[in-house]
C-alpha atoms as a PDB file:
ATOM      1  CA  MET A   1      94.475  99.596 103.026  1.00  0.00           C
ATOM      2  CA  PRO A   2      91.138 101.483 102.431  1.00  0.00           C
ATOM      3  CA  ASN A   3      88.853  98.642 100.891  1.00  0.00           C
ATOM      4  CA  LEU A   4      85.496  99.266  99.095  1.00  0.00           C
ATOM      5  CA  ASP A   5      83.434  99.503 102.036  1.00  0.00           C
ATOM      6  CA  THR A   6      85.312 102.283 103.324  1.00  0.00           C
ATOM      7  CA  LEU A   7      85.118 104.141  99.839  1.00  0.00           C
ATOM      8  CA  GLU A   8      81.782 103.586  99.797  1.00  0.00           C
ATOM      9  CA  GLN A   9      80.892 104.997 103.711  1.00  0.00           C
ATOM     10  CA  HIS A  10      83.210 107.661 103.420  1.00  0.00           C
ATOM     11  CA  LEU A  11      83.606 108.865 100.005  1.00  0.00           C
ATOM     12  CA  PHE A  12      80.682 107.091  97.445  1.00  0.00           C
ATOM     13  CA  GLN A  13      77.469 108.922  99.581  1.00  0.00           C
ATOM     14  CA  LEU A  14      78.964 112.376 100.053  1.00  0.00           C
ATOM     15  CA  LYS A  15      77.669 115.381  98.370  1.00  0.00           C
ATOM     16  CA  ASP A  16      80.078 118.161  98.558  1.00  0.00           C
ATOM     17  CA  ILE A  17      83.402 118.107  97.080  1.00  0.00           C
ATOM     18  CA  GLU A  18      85.189 120.184  99.732  1.00  0.00           C
ATOM     19  CA  LEU A  19      84.160 117.382 102.249  1.00  0.00           C
ATOM     20  CA  ILE A  20      85.426 114.509  99.719  1.00  0.00           C
ATOM     21  CA  VAL A  21      89.043 116.337  99.351  1.00  0.00           C
ATOM     22  CA  LEU A  22      89.519 116.389 102.750  1.00  0.00           C
ATOM     23  CA  LYS A  23      87.655 112.604 103.583  1.00  0.00           C
ATOM     24  CA  GLY A  24      89.316 111.187 100.455  1.00  0.00           C
ATOM     25  CA  HIS A  25      93.249 112.598 101.258  1.00  0.00           C
ATOM     26  CA  LEU A  26      92.788 111.027 104.487  1.00  0.00           C
ATOM     27  CA  ILE A  27      91.865 107.346 103.171  1.00  0.00           C
ATOM     28  CA  LEU A  28      94.917 108.135 100.490  1.00  0.00           C
ATOM     29  CA  GLU A  29      97.069 108.260 103.808  1.00  0.00           C
ATOM     30  CA  GLU A  30      95.702 105.442 105.496  1.00  0.00           C
ATOM     31  CA  GLY A  31      97.368 103.519 102.537  1.00  0.00           C
ATOM     32  CA  LEU A  32     100.722 105.419 102.400  1.00  0.00           C
ATOM     33  CA  ASN A  33     100.391 104.810 106.031  1.00  0.00           C
ATOM     34  CA  ASP A  34     100.153 100.721 105.016  1.00  0.00           C
ATOM     35  CA  PHE A  35     102.282 100.471 102.295  1.00  0.00           C
ATOM     36  CA  LEU A  36     104.841 101.936 104.533  1.00  0.00           C
ATOM     37  CA  ALA A  37     104.111  99.256 106.786  1.00  0.00           C
ATOM     38  CA  CYS A  38     105.999  96.640 104.406  1.00  0.00           C
ATOM     39  CA  PHE A  39     109.432  98.588 105.535  1.00  0.00           C
ATOM     40  CA  VAL A  40     109.255  98.769 109.042  1.00  0.00           C
ATOM     41  CA  ASN A  41     108.912  96.772 112.003  1.00  0.00           C
ATOM     42  CA  ASP A  42     107.083  98.683 114.154  1.00  0.00           C
ATOM     43  CA  ILE A  43     104.285 100.859 112.123  1.00  0.00           C
ATOM     44  CA  GLU A  44     102.690 102.633 115.514  1.00  0.00           C
ATOM     45  CA  THR A  45     105.924 103.264 117.014  1.00  0.00           C
ATOM     46  CA  PHE A  46     107.217 104.651 113.125  1.00  0.00           C
ATOM     47  CA  LEU A  47     104.003 106.856 113.225  1.00  0.00           C
ATOM     48  CA  LYS A  48     104.726 108.230 116.266  1.00  0.00           C
ATOM     49  CA  ILE A  49     107.814 109.871 114.256  1.00  0.00           C
ATOM     50  CA  GLY A  50     104.703 112.343 113.155  1.00  0.00           C
ATOM     51  CA  PHE A  51     105.370 112.261 109.223  1.00  0.00           C
ATOM     52  CA  LEU A  52     102.903 114.321 107.489  1.00  0.00           C
ATOM     53  CA  PHE A  53     101.711 113.109 104.037  1.00  0.00           C
ATOM     54  CA  GLU A  54     104.399 114.512 101.672  1.00  0.00           C
ATOM     55  CA  ARG A  55     106.934 113.228 103.670  1.00  0.00           C
ATOM     56  CA  LYS A  56     104.918 110.012 103.410  1.00  0.00           C
ATOM     57  CA  VAL A  57     105.016 110.119  99.285  1.00  0.00           C
ATOM     58  CA  ALA A  58     108.747 110.975  99.167  1.00  0.00           C
ATOM     59  CA  LEU A  59     109.837 108.307 101.465  1.00  0.00           C
ATOM     60  CA  LEU A  60     107.984 105.447  99.297  1.00  0.00           C
ATOM     61  CA  SER A  61     108.840 107.111  96.234  1.00  0.00           C
ATOM     62  CA  CYS A  62     112.796 106.698  97.156  1.00  0.00           C
ATOM     63  CA  LEU A  63     112.311 103.365  98.662  1.00  0.00           C
ATOM     64  CA  VAL A  64     109.714 101.982  95.859  1.00  0.00           C
ATOM     65  CA  PRO A  65     111.612 100.712  92.874  1.00  0.00           C
ATOM     66  CA  LYS A  66     110.197 102.047  89.381  1.00  0.00           C
ATOM     67  CA  GLN A  67     109.915  99.255  87.915  1.00  0.00           C
ATOM     68  CA  MET A  68     107.078  98.615  90.476  1.00  0.00           C
ATOM     69  CA  ALA A  69     105.680 102.110  90.590  1.00  0.00           C
ATOM     70  CA  ASN A  70     106.067 105.054  87.801  1.00  0.00           C
ATOM     71  CA  ASP A  71     106.510 108.365  88.910  1.00  0.00           C
ATOM     72  CA  ASN A  72     103.074 109.743  88.048  1.00  0.00           C
ATOM     73  CA  ILE A  73     101.233 108.365  91.638  1.00  0.00           C
ATOM     74  CA  TRP A  74     103.500 109.830  93.767  1.00  0.00           C
ATOM     75  CA  GLU A  75     103.094 113.105  91.588  1.00  0.00           C
ATOM     76  CA  GLN A  76      98.994 112.451  91.567  1.00  0.00           C
ATOM     77  CA  LEU A  77      99.751 112.114  95.445  1.00  0.00           C
ATOM     78  CA  ARG A  78     101.364 115.204  95.715  1.00  0.00           C
ATOM     79  CA  GLU A  79      99.287 117.085  94.030  1.00  0.00           C
ATOM     80  CA  ILE A  80      95.888 115.783  95.788  1.00  0.00           C
ATOM     81  CA  ASN A  81      97.961 116.933  98.823  1.00  0.00           C
ATOM     82  CA  ARG A  82      98.795 120.669  97.373  1.00  0.00           C
ATOM     83  CA  LEU A  83      95.107 121.000  96.622  1.00  0.00           C
ATOM     84  CA  ARG A  84      93.819 119.568 100.266  1.00  0.00           C
ATOM     85  CA  ASN A  85      96.324 122.009 102.195  1.00  0.00           C
ATOM     86  CA  LYS A  86      95.322 124.947 100.073  1.00  0.00           C
ATOM     87  CA  LEU A  87      91.879 124.057 100.567  1.00  0.00           C
ATOM     88  CA  ALA A  88      92.344 124.074 104.343  1.00  0.00           C
ATOM     89  CA  HIS A  89      94.453 126.722 104.199  1.00  0.00           C
ATOM     90  CA  ASN A  90      92.898 129.226 102.924  1.00  0.00           C
ATOM     91  CA  LEU A  91      89.232 130.917 103.142  1.00  0.00           C
ATOM     92  CA  ARG A  92      89.556 131.702  99.177  1.00  0.00           C
ATOM     93  CA  PHE A  93      90.609 129.390  96.877  1.00  0.00           C
ATOM     94  CA  SER A  94      89.699 130.557  93.584  1.00  0.00           C
ATOM     95  CA  GLN A  95      91.374 128.056  91.471  1.00  0.00           C
ATOM     96  CA  TYR A  96      90.597 125.335  93.562  1.00  0.00           C
ATOM     97  CA  GLU A  97      87.640 123.989  91.105  1.00  0.00           C
ATOM     98  CA  ARG A  98      89.499 123.871  87.979  1.00  0.00           C
ATOM     99  CA  GLN A  99      92.825 122.857  89.743  1.00  0.00           C
ATOM    100  CA  LEU A 100      90.723 119.803  90.978  1.00  0.00           C
ATOM    101  CA  LYS A 101      89.462 118.536  87.781  1.00  0.00           C
ATOM    102  CA  GLN A 102      92.765 118.857  86.297  1.00  0.00           C
ATOM    103  CA  TRP A 103      93.776 116.263  89.170  1.00  0.00           C
ATOM    104  CA  ALA A 104      91.071 114.162  88.587  1.00  0.00           C
ATOM    105  CA  ILE A 105      91.407 113.727  85.379  1.00  0.00           C
ATOM    106  CA  GLY A 106      94.880 113.143  85.379  1.00  0.00           C
ATOM    107  CA  VAL A 107      94.305 110.224  87.744  1.00  0.00           C
ATOM    108  CA  LEU A 108      91.625 109.013  85.485  1.00  0.00           C
ATOM    109  CA  GLY A 109      93.294 109.153  82.755  1.00  0.00           C
ATOM    110  CA  TYR A 110      90.610 110.586  80.806  1.00  0.00           C
ATOM    111  CA  LYS A 111      88.273 113.891  80.209  1.00  0.00           C
ATOM    112  CA  PRO A 112      84.372 113.159  80.844  1.00  0.00           C
ATOM    113  CA  LYS A 113      82.499 115.036  78.022  1.00  0.00           C
ATOM    114  CA  THR A 114      80.665 116.914  80.798  1.00  0.00           C
ATOM    115  CA  ILE A 115      82.532 117.522  83.551  1.00  0.00           C
ATOM    116  CA  LYS A 116      81.188 121.095  83.940  1.00  0.00           C
ATOM    117  CA  ARG A 117      78.274 119.422  85.144  1.00  0.00           C
ATOM    118  CA  LYS A 118      78.398 119.197  89.144  1.00  0.00           C
ATOM    119  CA  ILE A 119      77.073 115.630  89.068  1.00  0.00           C
ATOM    120  CA  THR A 120      79.695 114.607  86.859  1.00  0.00           C
ATOM    121  CA  TYR A 121      82.610 116.803  88.465  1.00  0.00           C
ATOM    122  CA  ARG A 122      81.782 115.245  91.669  1.00  0.00           C
ATOM    123  CA  ASN A 123      82.064 111.714  90.306  1.00  0.00           C
ATOM    124  CA  SER A 124      85.555 112.235  88.591  1.00  0.00           C
ATOM    125  CA  VAL A 125      86.315 113.273  92.009  1.00  0.00           C
ATOM    126  CA  VAL A 126      84.999 110.126  93.735  1.00  0.00           C
ATOM    127  CA  LYS A 127      86.659 108.187  91.003  1.00  0.00           C
ATOM    128  CA  ALA A 128      89.849 109.239  91.047  1.00  0.00           C
ATOM    129  CA  PHE A 129      90.471 108.877  94.671  1.00  0.00           C
ATOM    130  CA  ALA A 130      89.031 105.244  94.639  1.00  0.00           C
ATOM    131  CA  LEU A 131      91.519 104.061  91.874  1.00  0.00           C
ATOM    132  CA  LEU A 132      94.823 106.202  93.449  1.00  0.00           C
ATOM    133  CA  SER A 133      93.439 104.144  96.591  1.00  0.00           C
ATOM    134  CA  GLY A 134      93.415 100.868  94.675  1.00  0.00           C
ATOM    135  CA  ARG A 135      96.548 102.039  92.766  1.00  0.00           C
ATOM    136  CA  LEU A 136      98.359 102.292  96.507  1.00  0.00           C
ATOM    137  CA  ALA A 137      97.132  99.110  97.551  1.00  0.00           C
ATOM    138  CA  GLY A 138      97.651  96.720  94.895  1.00  0.00           C
ATOM    139  CA  LEU A 139     101.176  98.325  95.379  1.00  0.00           C
ATOM    140  CA  SER A 140     101.556  97.589  98.539  1.00  0.00           C
ATOM    141  CA  ALA A 141      99.804  94.185  98.075  1.00  0.00           C
ATOM    142  CA  GLY A 142     102.567  93.419  95.617  1.00  0.00           C
ATOM    143  CA  PHE A 143     105.646  94.794  97.441  1.00  0.00           C
ATOM    144  CA  ALA A 144     104.718  92.308 100.095  1.00  0.00           C
ATOM    145  CA  ALA A 145     103.855  89.884  97.889  1.00  0.00           C
ATOM    146  CA  ALA A 146     107.598  90.568  96.319  1.00  0.00           C
ATOM    147  CA  ARG A 147     109.871  90.764 100.020  1.00  0.00           C
ATOM    148  CA  LYS A 148     108.206  87.486 101.278  1.00  0.00           C
ATOM    149  CA  LYS A 149     109.908  85.529  98.005  1.00  0.00           C
END
């Protein structure tokens, strides 16, 4: 699972919001891969199948009992994947900033008073990635511990 050092190295130091989204998405995908490792015998062989981010989210949402993870985590992961794909595949994406702000606010569960300020917007997006990454890590650890019992 991505840890605080990984987040510090790859997100907290960045200023460019688009790079934060791209790297944050990769960090979340590492978390998804680590979580999927709880369900398979050989994660490396499984990953060679080539499931994309969206399929990994769909698979985990089917495998993880609802009492362990409510649906909003899967929706938040799907939404950041959708935004990342739009960013990566469209030269002009006019609604990007507004939709990214909405995603970050949804993940954080609150709206900062000054999200119009560039630094607050950036910090909110980084915090949202960190929080979602932490939720994935917690679910993965909890599921692994429950399976051992």
